[in-house]
Structures are given as C-alpha cells and as structure tokens.
C-alpha cells in the first residue's frame, strides 16, 4: 500500500479555525485514502474547553462509523496533541498518529507528560511527528503574532 498523507486537509481545517479566531489546529481521521472526518478547533465558538480539533474529529468519526473505537484508522493533526487529546486518541484506539509541529508548552505526546508512555495507557498508536511541521509552525506563529 502506498502512503498518502492527509496533512494538507488538516492544514486546511487549521486555516479555517484561524479565520474563526480559534487557535489554528486542524485534524483528519482517515482509513487509507478515505477521509472519515475532519475538524478544526472550536473551543471559543462552542464555549467548550474540550472542543479541540482532535476531540471533534474523533467524535465525528465515531458517529459516522457508529462505533466507539476507531481501530485501524489514522489521525492527522497539525499540532502535537495535548494530554487530554492524547488520552482520547488512546481510548479511541487510533492506529497511527501523524502530527506536524511539536508543542513544547502543552504537548502530551513527545513533550510534557508523554501520555502514551504511562502504564495506565491501554493503547499506544504508532506515532509519526514532523509531518508538514514547517507549515503548521508558520500558521501558529503568524496567528499568535497578530494577537500580541
């Protein structure tokens, strides 16, 4: 099977989030070439601190498939997931996590608490970082530069 990244779609969702005044993070759940769900951050719009792109796309994919587990599926996200999202990724049984920019301040995968390394973590996805990281980093930097 030939690998096909869906990070460009996650970046599109991140740009849409920025246009809404949200922190520009986007996510996509896919099975091979089939995109099952896509979302961007909506914490401000929904007044919901859990409305991160990862949480929203996991919920959407579960609803679309009528399942509580996303076994065998891939998650693409423009920014390293926070600890909350990393725990949700584990609980959803995502097979592979692809993320763009590292998040030294709030990350929960390669930084900070490293959720997947805890013995309480029931499932650990394959992890691939740095996918289109430069584009993700630039989007985040430009977004925050306009707010400072």
Protein backbone atom coordinates (compact mmCIF):
# COMPACT_ATOMS: atom_id res chain seq x y z
CA UNK A 1 0.00 0.00 0.00
CA UNK A 2 1.26 3.48 -0.86
CA UNK A 3 1.27 6.04 1.95
CA UNK A 4 -0.84 9.11 1.29
CA UNK A 5 -0.73 11.92 3.81
CA UNK A 6 -3.88 13.84 4.63
CA UNK A 7 -2.00 16.57 6.48
CA UNK A 8 -2.90 19.08 3.74
CA UNK A 9 -6.57 18.63 4.74
CA UNK A 10 -5.70 19.08 8.42
CA UNK A 11 -3.89 22.31 7.48
CA UNK A 12 -7.00 23.47 5.60
CA UNK A 13 -9.01 22.90 8.79
CA UNK A 14 -6.38 24.78 10.80
CA UNK A 15 -6.62 27.78 8.44
CA UNK A 16 -10.42 27.72 8.79
CA UNK A 17 -10.05 27.65 12.59
CA UNK A 18 -7.75 30.70 12.43
CA UNK A 19 -10.31 32.53 10.28
CA UNK A 20 -12.86 31.91 13.05
CA UNK A 21 -10.46 33.34 15.65
CA UNK A 22 -9.63 29.91 17.05
CA UNK A 23 -6.12 28.61 17.70
CA UNK A 24 -5.25 27.19 14.26
CA UNK A 25 -5.21 23.44 14.77
CA UNK A 26 -6.82 21.02 12.34
CA UNK A 27 -7.32 17.26 12.34
CA UNK A 28 -8.42 14.50 9.98
CA UNK A 29 -9.37 10.86 10.60
CA UNK A 30 -8.80 8.59 7.62
CA UNK A 31 -8.70 4.99 6.56
CA UNK A 32 -6.20 4.85 3.73
CA UNK A 33 -7.46 7.22 1.03
CA UNK A 34 -10.92 7.53 2.62
CA UNK A 35 -11.41 10.61 4.81
CA UNK A 36 -13.90 9.82 7.56
CA UNK A 37 -13.87 13.12 9.42
CA UNK A 38 -12.19 16.50 9.58
CA UNK A 39 -12.35 19.33 12.09
CA UNK A 40 -10.62 22.40 13.42
CA UNK A 41 -10.54 23.89 16.90
CA UNK A 42 -13.87 25.34 18.09
CA UNK A 43 -13.29 25.98 21.79
CA UNK A 44 -14.33 29.65 21.63
CA UNK A 45 -17.19 29.17 19.20
CA UNK A 46 -18.73 26.36 21.27
CA UNK A 47 -17.66 27.71 24.68
CA UNK A 48 -16.22 24.27 25.29
CA UNK A 49 -12.65 23.75 26.51
CA UNK A 50 -12.73 20.18 25.17
CA UNK A 51 -13.58 21.25 21.58
CA UNK A 52 -10.04 20.67 20.32
CA UNK A 53 -9.73 19.56 16.69
CA UNK A 54 -8.74 16.03 17.75
CA UNK A 55 -11.70 15.62 20.10
CA UNK A 56 -14.14 16.92 17.50
CA UNK A 57 -12.84 14.73 14.69
CA UNK A 58 -12.78 11.63 16.90
CA UNK A 59 -16.41 12.29 17.88
CA UNK A 60 -17.40 12.87 14.25
CA UNK A 61 -15.65 9.71 13.02
CA UNK A 62 -17.23 7.59 15.77
CA UNK A 63 -20.65 8.98 14.87
CA UNK A 64 -20.11 8.42 11.14
CA UNK A 65 -19.00 4.83 11.68
CA UNK A 66 -21.45 4.11 14.51
CA UNK A 67 -18.63 2.80 16.69
CA UNK A 68 -16.86 3.89 19.86
CA UNK A 69 -13.48 2.64 18.63
CA UNK A 70 -11.52 3.79 15.59
CA UNK A 71 -9.35 0.68 15.37
CA UNK A 72 -7.08 0.64 12.33
CA UNK A 73 -7.65 4.32 11.48
CA UNK A 74 -5.20 7.19 11.13
CA UNK A 75 -5.32 10.61 12.77
CA UNK A 76 -3.55 13.59 11.22
CA UNK A 77 -3.24 16.71 13.36
CA UNK A 78 -1.28 19.87 12.70
CA UNK A 79 -0.01 20.25 16.29
CA UNK A 80 1.20 17.71 18.82
CA UNK A 81 -1.85 16.61 20.82
CA UNK A 82 -2.25 17.85 24.39
CA UNK A 83 -2.58 15.32 27.23
CA UNK A 84 -6.42 15.37 27.04
CA UNK A 85 -6.39 14.64 23.32
CA UNK A 86 -3.64 12.02 23.64
CA UNK A 87 -5.80 10.16 26.18
CA UNK A 88 -8.79 10.34 23.82
CA UNK A 89 -6.62 9.02 20.96
CA UNK A 90 -5.66 6.07 23.13
CA UNK A 91 -9.24 5.43 24.24
CA UNK A 92 -10.44 5.58 20.62
CA UNK A 93 -7.76 3.02 19.68
CA UNK A 94 -6.42 5.13 16.80
CA UNK A 95 -3.82 3.00 14.98
CA UNK A 96 -1.50 5.73 13.72
CA UNK A 97 -0.99 9.34 14.82
CA UNK A 98 0.65 11.76 12.40
CA UNK A 99 1.32 15.26 13.71
CA UNK A 100 3.02 18.36 12.46
CA UNK A 101 4.51 20.86 14.89
CA UNK A 102 5.80 19.86 18.32
CA UNK A 103 4.20 21.69 21.24
CA UNK A 104 6.82 22.28 23.98
CA UNK A 105 4.31 24.22 26.11
CA UNK A 106 1.23 21.99 26.04
CA UNK A 107 2.12 18.80 24.21
CA UNK A 108 1.32 15.43 25.69
CA UNK A 109 2.98 13.01 23.25
CA UNK A 110 6.65 13.87 22.67
CA UNK A 111 6.73 16.66 25.26
CA UNK A 112 5.41 17.09 28.78
CA UNK A 113 3.67 14.09 30.35
CA UNK A 114 4.10 11.77 27.34
CA UNK A 115 0.73 10.11 27.85
CA UNK A 116 1.47 7.07 25.70
CA UNK A 117 4.42 6.06 27.91
CA UNK A 118 2.32 5.68 31.07
CA UNK A 119 1.45 2.18 32.29
CA UNK A 120 -2.20 3.30 32.59
CA UNK A 121 -2.33 3.91 28.85
CA UNK A 122 -4.24 0.97 27.38
CA UNK A 123 -3.38 1.59 23.72
CA UNK A 124 -0.41 3.25 22.06
CA UNK A 125 -0.69 4.28 18.40
CA UNK A 126 2.21 4.32 16.00
CA UNK A 127 3.49 7.90 16.12
CA UNK A 128 4.95 9.92 13.25
CA UNK A 129 5.89 13.51 14.01
CA UNK A 130 7.14 16.43 11.97
CA UNK A 131 4.70 15.90 9.07
CA UNK A 132 4.47 19.31 7.33
CA UNK A 133 5.76 20.79 10.59
CA UNK A 134 7.05 23.99 8.98
CA UNK A 135 3.62 24.88 7.57
CA UNK A 136 1.95 24.17 10.92
CA UNK A 137 4.53 26.19 12.85
CA UNK A 138 4.27 29.16 10.49
CA UNK A 139 0.48 29.21 10.76
CA UNK A 140 0.64 29.16 14.56
CA UNK A 141 3.37 31.81 14.74
CA UNK A 142 1.55 34.18 12.40
CA UNK A 143 -1.73 33.66 14.26
CA UNK A 144 -0.23 34.49 17.64
CA UNK A 145 1.86 37.37 16.26
CA UNK A 146 -1.35 39.19 15.33
CA UNK A 147 -2.63 38.83 18.89
CA UNK A 148 0.41 40.15 20.74
